[in-house]
């Protein structure tokens, strides 16, 4: 039979104290279906049987304790995305939420 174990990596959302990490590991180990919880410098990796416990349940429990799944942590945007966001902020500051004058002139002529 294949290895049925899956893994989820959770990142710390803030600088967690050792006691907070210990409590999170203890809580996870009490959940039926969780086989192992490993700690590294930036988070916890949970090994679990997907037929015994769902990943949505694990994510919900960890969010309550202040941990986010690695895929949900904020990733740095690329240079083009940052440039486009900056340009959009500058345009909004300059023009506001109104349409440009050229668009309004055409509607006034009709």
N, C-alpha and C. Protein backbone atom coordinates (compact mmCIF):
# COMPACT_ATOMS: atom_id res chain seq x y z
N UNK A 1 0.84 -1.18 0.00
CA UNK A 1 0.00 0.00 0.00
C UNK A 1 0.88 1.24 0.00
N UNK A 2 0.45 2.27 -0.71
CA UNK A 2 1.22 3.51 -0.80
C UNK A 2 1.26 4.23 0.54
N UNK A 3 2.23 5.14 0.64
CA UNK A 3 2.34 5.98 1.82
C UNK A 3 1.19 6.98 1.79
N UNK A 4 0.29 6.89 2.74
CA UNK A 4 -0.91 7.73 2.76
C UNK A 4 -0.69 9.06 3.47
N UNK A 5 0.49 9.27 3.99
CA UNK A 5 0.75 10.45 4.79
C UNK A 5 0.94 11.69 3.91
N UNK A 6 0.33 12.79 4.34
CA UNK A 6 0.51 14.09 3.68
C UNK A 6 1.15 15.04 4.67
N UNK A 7 1.65 16.18 4.14
CA UNK A 7 2.35 17.15 4.97
C UNK A 7 1.83 18.56 4.67
N UNK A 8 1.71 19.36 5.72
CA UNK A 8 1.38 20.78 5.59
C UNK A 8 2.42 21.55 6.38
N UNK A 9 2.96 22.59 5.76
CA UNK A 9 3.92 23.47 6.44
C UNK A 9 3.18 24.71 6.90
N UNK A 10 3.32 25.05 8.18
CA UNK A 10 2.72 26.25 8.75
C UNK A 10 3.82 27.21 9.13
N UNK A 11 3.65 28.48 8.76
CA UNK A 11 4.61 29.53 9.09
C UNK A 11 4.13 30.29 10.31
N UNK A 12 5.09 30.79 11.08
CA UNK A 12 4.76 31.64 12.21
C UNK A 12 4.27 32.98 11.68
N UNK A 13 3.21 33.51 12.26
CA UNK A 13 2.72 34.82 11.84
C UNK A 13 3.38 35.93 12.64
N UNK A 14 3.94 35.60 13.76
CA UNK A 14 4.66 36.56 14.58
C UNK A 14 5.78 35.81 15.28
N UNK A 15 6.63 36.53 15.93
CA UNK A 15 7.71 35.88 16.67
C UNK A 15 7.08 35.12 17.84
N UNK A 16 7.07 33.81 17.74
CA UNK A 16 6.42 32.99 18.76
C UNK A 16 7.41 32.58 19.83
N UNK A 17 6.93 32.58 21.04
CA UNK A 17 7.74 32.14 22.16
C UNK A 17 7.81 30.61 22.15
N UNK A 18 8.83 30.08 22.77
CA UNK A 18 9.01 28.62 22.82
C UNK A 18 7.80 27.94 23.45
N UNK A 19 7.22 28.57 24.47
CA UNK A 19 6.05 27.99 25.14
C UNK A 19 4.87 27.92 24.19
N UNK A 20 4.68 28.94 23.37
CA UNK A 20 3.58 28.97 22.40
C UNK A 20 3.77 27.85 21.37
N UNK A 21 4.99 27.64 20.92
CA UNK A 21 5.28 26.57 19.95
C UNK A 21 5.02 25.21 20.58
N UNK A 22 5.42 25.05 21.84
CA UNK A 22 5.24 23.78 22.53
C UNK A 22 3.75 23.47 22.67
N UNK A 23 2.94 24.47 22.99
CA UNK A 23 1.49 24.29 23.12
C UNK A 23 0.88 23.90 21.77
N UNK A 24 1.31 24.55 20.70
CA UNK A 24 0.80 24.23 19.36
C UNK A 24 1.15 22.80 18.98
N UNK A 25 2.37 22.38 19.24
CA UNK A 25 2.78 21.01 18.93
C UNK A 25 1.97 20.01 19.75
N UNK A 26 1.76 20.30 21.02
CA UNK A 26 0.98 19.41 21.88
C UNK A 26 -0.46 19.30 21.39
N UNK A 27 -1.06 20.42 21.01
CA UNK A 27 -2.44 20.43 20.51
C UNK A 27 -2.55 19.61 19.23
N UNK A 28 -1.58 19.77 18.33
CA UNK A 28 -1.61 19.02 17.07
C UNK A 28 -1.44 17.52 17.31
N UNK A 29 -0.55 17.16 18.21
CA UNK A 29 -0.30 15.73 18.48
C UNK A 29 -1.52 15.05 19.09
N UNK A 30 -2.42 15.81 19.73
CA UNK A 30 -3.63 15.23 20.32
C UNK A 30 -4.69 14.94 19.26
N UNK A 31 -4.59 15.53 18.08
CA UNK A 31 -5.58 15.35 17.03
C UNK A 31 -5.40 13.97 16.41
N UNK A 32 -6.48 13.22 16.34
CA UNK A 32 -6.44 11.89 15.75
C UNK A 32 -6.13 12.00 14.26
N UNK A 33 -5.15 11.28 13.80
CA UNK A 33 -4.74 11.30 12.40
C UNK A 33 -3.43 12.03 12.16
N UNK A 34 -2.99 12.84 13.12
CA UNK A 34 -1.70 13.52 13.02
C UNK A 34 -0.63 12.56 13.52
N UNK A 35 0.35 12.27 12.68
CA UNK A 35 1.38 11.31 13.06
C UNK A 35 2.66 11.95 13.57
N UNK A 36 2.97 13.16 13.09
CA UNK A 36 4.23 13.79 13.50
C UNK A 36 4.15 15.30 13.29
N UNK A 37 4.79 16.05 14.20
CA UNK A 37 4.89 17.50 14.07
C UNK A 37 6.37 17.86 14.21
N UNK A 38 6.93 18.45 13.16
CA UNK A 38 8.34 18.82 13.17
C UNK A 38 8.46 20.34 13.19
N UNK A 39 9.46 20.83 13.92
CA UNK A 39 9.69 22.26 14.06
C UNK A 39 11.00 22.63 13.38
N UNK A 40 11.00 23.75 12.64
CA UNK A 40 12.24 24.29 12.10
C UNK A 40 12.27 25.79 12.40
N UNK A 41 13.21 26.52 11.80
CA UNK A 41 13.41 27.93 12.19
C UNK A 41 12.25 28.84 11.82
N UNK A 42 11.42 28.49 10.84
CA UNK A 42 10.34 29.41 10.45
C UNK A 42 8.95 28.81 10.50
N UNK A 43 8.80 27.63 11.07
CA UNK A 43 7.45 27.08 11.15
C UNK A 43 7.39 25.66 11.64
N UNK A 44 6.19 25.08 11.48
CA UNK A 44 5.92 23.71 11.88
C UNK A 44 5.45 22.93 10.66
N UNK A 45 5.91 21.68 10.53
CA UNK A 45 5.45 20.80 9.47
C UNK A 45 4.64 19.69 10.11
N UNK A 46 3.41 19.53 9.67
CA UNK A 46 2.50 18.55 10.23
C UNK A 46 2.35 17.40 9.24
N UNK A 47 2.63 16.18 9.70
CA UNK A 47 2.40 14.98 8.90
C UNK A 47 1.10 14.34 9.40
N UNK A 48 0.21 14.01 8.47
CA UNK A 48 -1.10 13.50 8.86
C UNK A 48 -1.64 12.53 7.83
N UNK A 49 -2.62 11.74 8.26
CA UNK A 49 -3.32 10.81 7.39
C UNK A 49 -4.57 11.53 6.88
N UNK A 50 -4.67 11.78 5.57
CA UNK A 50 -5.81 12.55 5.05
C UNK A 50 -7.15 11.83 5.18
N UNK A 51 -7.13 10.51 5.42
CA UNK A 51 -8.37 9.78 5.59
C UNK A 51 -8.88 9.85 7.03
N UNK A 52 -8.00 10.23 7.96
CA UNK A 52 -8.38 10.33 9.36
C UNK A 52 -8.71 11.76 9.77
N UNK A 53 -8.04 12.74 9.17
CA UNK A 53 -8.26 14.14 9.51
C UNK A 53 -8.09 14.96 8.23
N UNK A 54 -8.96 15.94 8.05
CA UNK A 54 -8.91 16.78 6.85
C UNK A 54 -7.94 17.94 6.99
N UNK A 55 -7.38 18.35 5.88
CA UNK A 55 -6.45 19.48 5.90
C UNK A 55 -7.16 20.79 6.27
N UNK A 56 -8.44 20.92 5.92
CA UNK A 56 -9.16 22.14 6.28
C UNK A 56 -9.32 22.26 7.80
N UNK A 57 -9.52 21.13 8.47
CA UNK A 57 -9.62 21.14 9.93
C UNK A 57 -8.29 21.55 10.55
N UNK A 58 -7.19 21.00 10.04
CA UNK A 58 -5.86 21.35 10.56
C UNK A 58 -5.56 22.83 10.34
N UNK A 59 -5.88 23.33 9.17
CA UNK A 59 -5.64 24.75 8.86
C UNK A 59 -6.46 25.64 9.78
N UNK A 60 -7.72 25.28 10.01
CA UNK A 60 -8.58 26.06 10.90
C UNK A 60 -8.02 26.08 12.31
N UNK A 61 -7.59 24.94 12.83
CA UNK A 61 -7.03 24.87 14.18
C UNK A 61 -5.75 25.70 14.30
N UNK A 62 -4.91 25.62 13.28
CA UNK A 62 -3.63 26.35 13.33
C UNK A 62 -3.84 27.86 13.19
N UNK A 63 -4.82 28.28 12.41
CA UNK A 63 -5.11 29.71 12.29
C UNK A 63 -5.56 30.29 13.62
N UNK A 64 -6.31 29.49 14.39
CA UNK A 64 -6.74 29.95 15.71
C UNK A 64 -5.55 30.15 16.64
N UNK A 65 -4.47 29.39 16.41
CA UNK A 65 -3.28 29.51 17.26
C UNK A 65 -2.27 30.52 16.71
N UNK A 66 -2.56 31.14 15.55
CA UNK A 66 -1.68 32.17 15.01
C UNK A 66 -0.71 31.69 13.96
N UNK A 67 -0.97 30.56 13.33
CA UNK A 67 -0.10 30.03 12.28
C UNK A 67 -0.86 30.01 10.96
N UNK A 68 -0.17 30.28 9.87
CA UNK A 68 -0.77 30.24 8.54
C UNK A 68 -0.10 29.16 7.71
N UNK A 69 -0.86 28.50 6.82
CA UNK A 69 -0.23 27.55 5.90
C UNK A 69 0.77 28.28 5.01
N UNK A 70 1.82 27.59 4.64
CA UNK A 70 2.89 28.21 3.85
C UNK A 70 2.35 28.81 2.56
N UNK A 71 1.37 28.16 1.93
CA UNK A 71 0.84 28.68 0.66
C UNK A 71 0.04 29.97 0.84
N UNK A 72 -0.43 30.26 2.07
CA UNK A 72 -1.20 31.48 2.32
C UNK A 72 -0.35 32.64 2.81
N UNK A 73 0.91 32.38 3.13
CA UNK A 73 1.74 33.47 3.61
C UNK A 73 2.02 34.42 2.46
N UNK A 74 2.14 35.67 2.77
CA UNK A 74 2.31 36.71 1.76
C UNK A 74 3.66 36.55 1.08
N UNK A 75 3.62 36.46 -0.23
CA UNK A 75 4.85 36.36 -1.01
C UNK A 75 5.17 37.71 -1.62
N UNK A 76 6.46 37.98 -1.78
CA UNK A 76 6.90 39.24 -2.35
C UNK A 76 6.53 39.28 -3.83
N UNK A 77 5.97 40.41 -4.25
CA UNK A 77 5.57 40.56 -5.64
C UNK A 77 6.80 40.82 -6.51
N UNK A 78 6.68 40.50 -7.77
CA UNK A 78 7.76 40.73 -8.72
C UNK A 78 7.90 42.21 -9.05
N UNK A 79 8.94 42.55 -9.76
CA UNK A 79 9.25 43.95 -10.06
C UNK A 79 8.16 44.59 -10.92
N UNK A 80 7.61 43.84 -11.87
CA UNK A 80 6.57 44.40 -12.75
C UNK A 80 5.29 44.65 -11.95
N UNK A 81 4.90 43.71 -11.09
CA UNK A 81 3.69 43.89 -10.28
C UNK A 81 3.84 45.07 -9.33
N UNK A 82 5.01 45.23 -8.73
CA UNK A 82 5.24 46.38 -7.85
C UNK A 82 5.18 47.68 -8.62
N UNK A 83 5.73 47.70 -9.83
CA UNK A 83 5.71 48.91 -10.68
C UNK A 83 4.27 49.26 -11.06
N UNK A 84 3.47 48.25 -11.45
CA UNK A 84 2.08 48.50 -11.81
C UNK A 84 1.27 49.01 -10.61
N UNK A 85 1.49 48.43 -9.45
CA UNK A 85 0.79 48.90 -8.25
C UNK A 85 1.16 50.33 -7.91
N UNK A 86 2.43 50.66 -8.05
CA UNK A 86 2.88 52.03 -7.78
C UNK A 86 2.25 53.00 -8.77
N UNK A 87 2.21 52.62 -10.05
CA UNK A 87 1.61 53.47 -11.06
C UNK A 87 0.11 53.65 -10.79
N UNK A 88 -0.58 52.62 -10.36
CA UNK A 88 -2.00 52.73 -10.06
C UNK A 88 -2.24 53.66 -8.87
N UNK A 89 -1.40 53.57 -7.84
CA UNK A 89 -1.54 54.47 -6.68
C UNK A 89 -1.31 55.92 -7.09
N UNK A 90 -0.30 56.18 -7.92
CA UNK A 90 0.00 57.54 -8.36
C UNK A 90 -1.14 58.09 -9.23
N UNK A 91 -1.69 57.27 -10.11
CA UNK A 91 -2.82 57.70 -10.95
C UNK A 91 -4.05 58.02 -10.10
N UNK A 92 -4.30 57.20 -9.09
CA UNK A 92 -5.44 57.45 -8.22
C UNK A 92 -5.24 58.75 -7.44
N UNK A 93 -3.99 59.00 -7.02
CA UNK A 93 -3.70 60.23 -6.29
C UNK A 93 -3.87 61.44 -7.21
N UNK A 94 -3.45 61.33 -8.47
CA UNK A 94 -3.52 62.45 -9.40
C UNK A 94 -4.93 62.69 -9.93
N UNK A 95 -5.63 61.62 -10.30
CA UNK A 95 -6.91 61.74 -10.97
C UNK A 95 -8.10 61.39 -10.10
N UNK A 96 -7.90 60.77 -8.99
CA UNK A 96 -9.01 60.35 -8.14
C UNK A 96 -9.78 59.20 -8.77
N UNK A 97 -11.04 59.08 -8.42
CA UNK A 97 -11.87 57.99 -8.95
C UNK A 97 -12.68 58.43 -10.16
N UNK A 98 -12.51 59.66 -10.61
CA UNK A 98 -13.28 60.18 -11.73
C UNK A 98 -12.71 59.70 -13.05
N UNK A 99 -13.56 59.72 -14.07
CA UNK A 99 -13.10 59.38 -15.41
C UNK A 99 -12.28 60.55 -15.96
N UNK A 100 -11.48 60.28 -16.96
CA UNK A 100 -10.67 61.32 -17.59
C UNK A 100 -11.56 62.31 -18.36
N UNK A 101 -11.04 63.52 -18.58
CA UNK A 101 -11.81 64.56 -19.26
C UNK A 101 -12.23 64.12 -20.66
N UNK A 102 -11.38 63.42 -21.38
CA UNK A 102 -11.71 63.02 -22.75
C UNK A 102 -12.93 62.10 -22.78
N UNK A 103 -13.12 61.29 -21.77
CA UNK A 103 -14.28 60.40 -21.71
C UNK A 103 -15.54 61.19 -21.40
N UNK A 104 -15.44 62.23 -20.59
CA UNK A 104 -16.60 63.03 -20.24
C UNK A 104 -17.02 63.93 -21.40
N UNK A 105 -16.07 64.44 -22.19
CA UNK A 105 -16.41 65.31 -23.32
C UNK A 105 -17.27 64.57 -24.34
N UNK A 106 -16.95 63.32 -24.61
CA UNK A 106 -17.69 62.56 -25.59
C UNK A 106 -19.14 62.36 -25.13
N UNK A 107 -19.35 62.12 -23.86
CA UNK A 107 -20.72 61.92 -23.38
C UNK A 107 -21.51 63.23 -23.35
N UNK A 108 -20.83 64.37 -23.17
CA UNK A 108 -21.53 65.66 -23.13
C UNK A 108 -21.98 66.08 -24.54
N UNK A 109 -21.25 65.66 -25.57
CA UNK A 109 -21.60 66.04 -26.95
C UNK A 109 -22.87 65.34 -27.42
N UNK A 110 -23.13 64.18 -26.92
CA UNK A 110 -24.31 63.41 -27.38
C UNK A 110 -25.56 63.88 -26.78
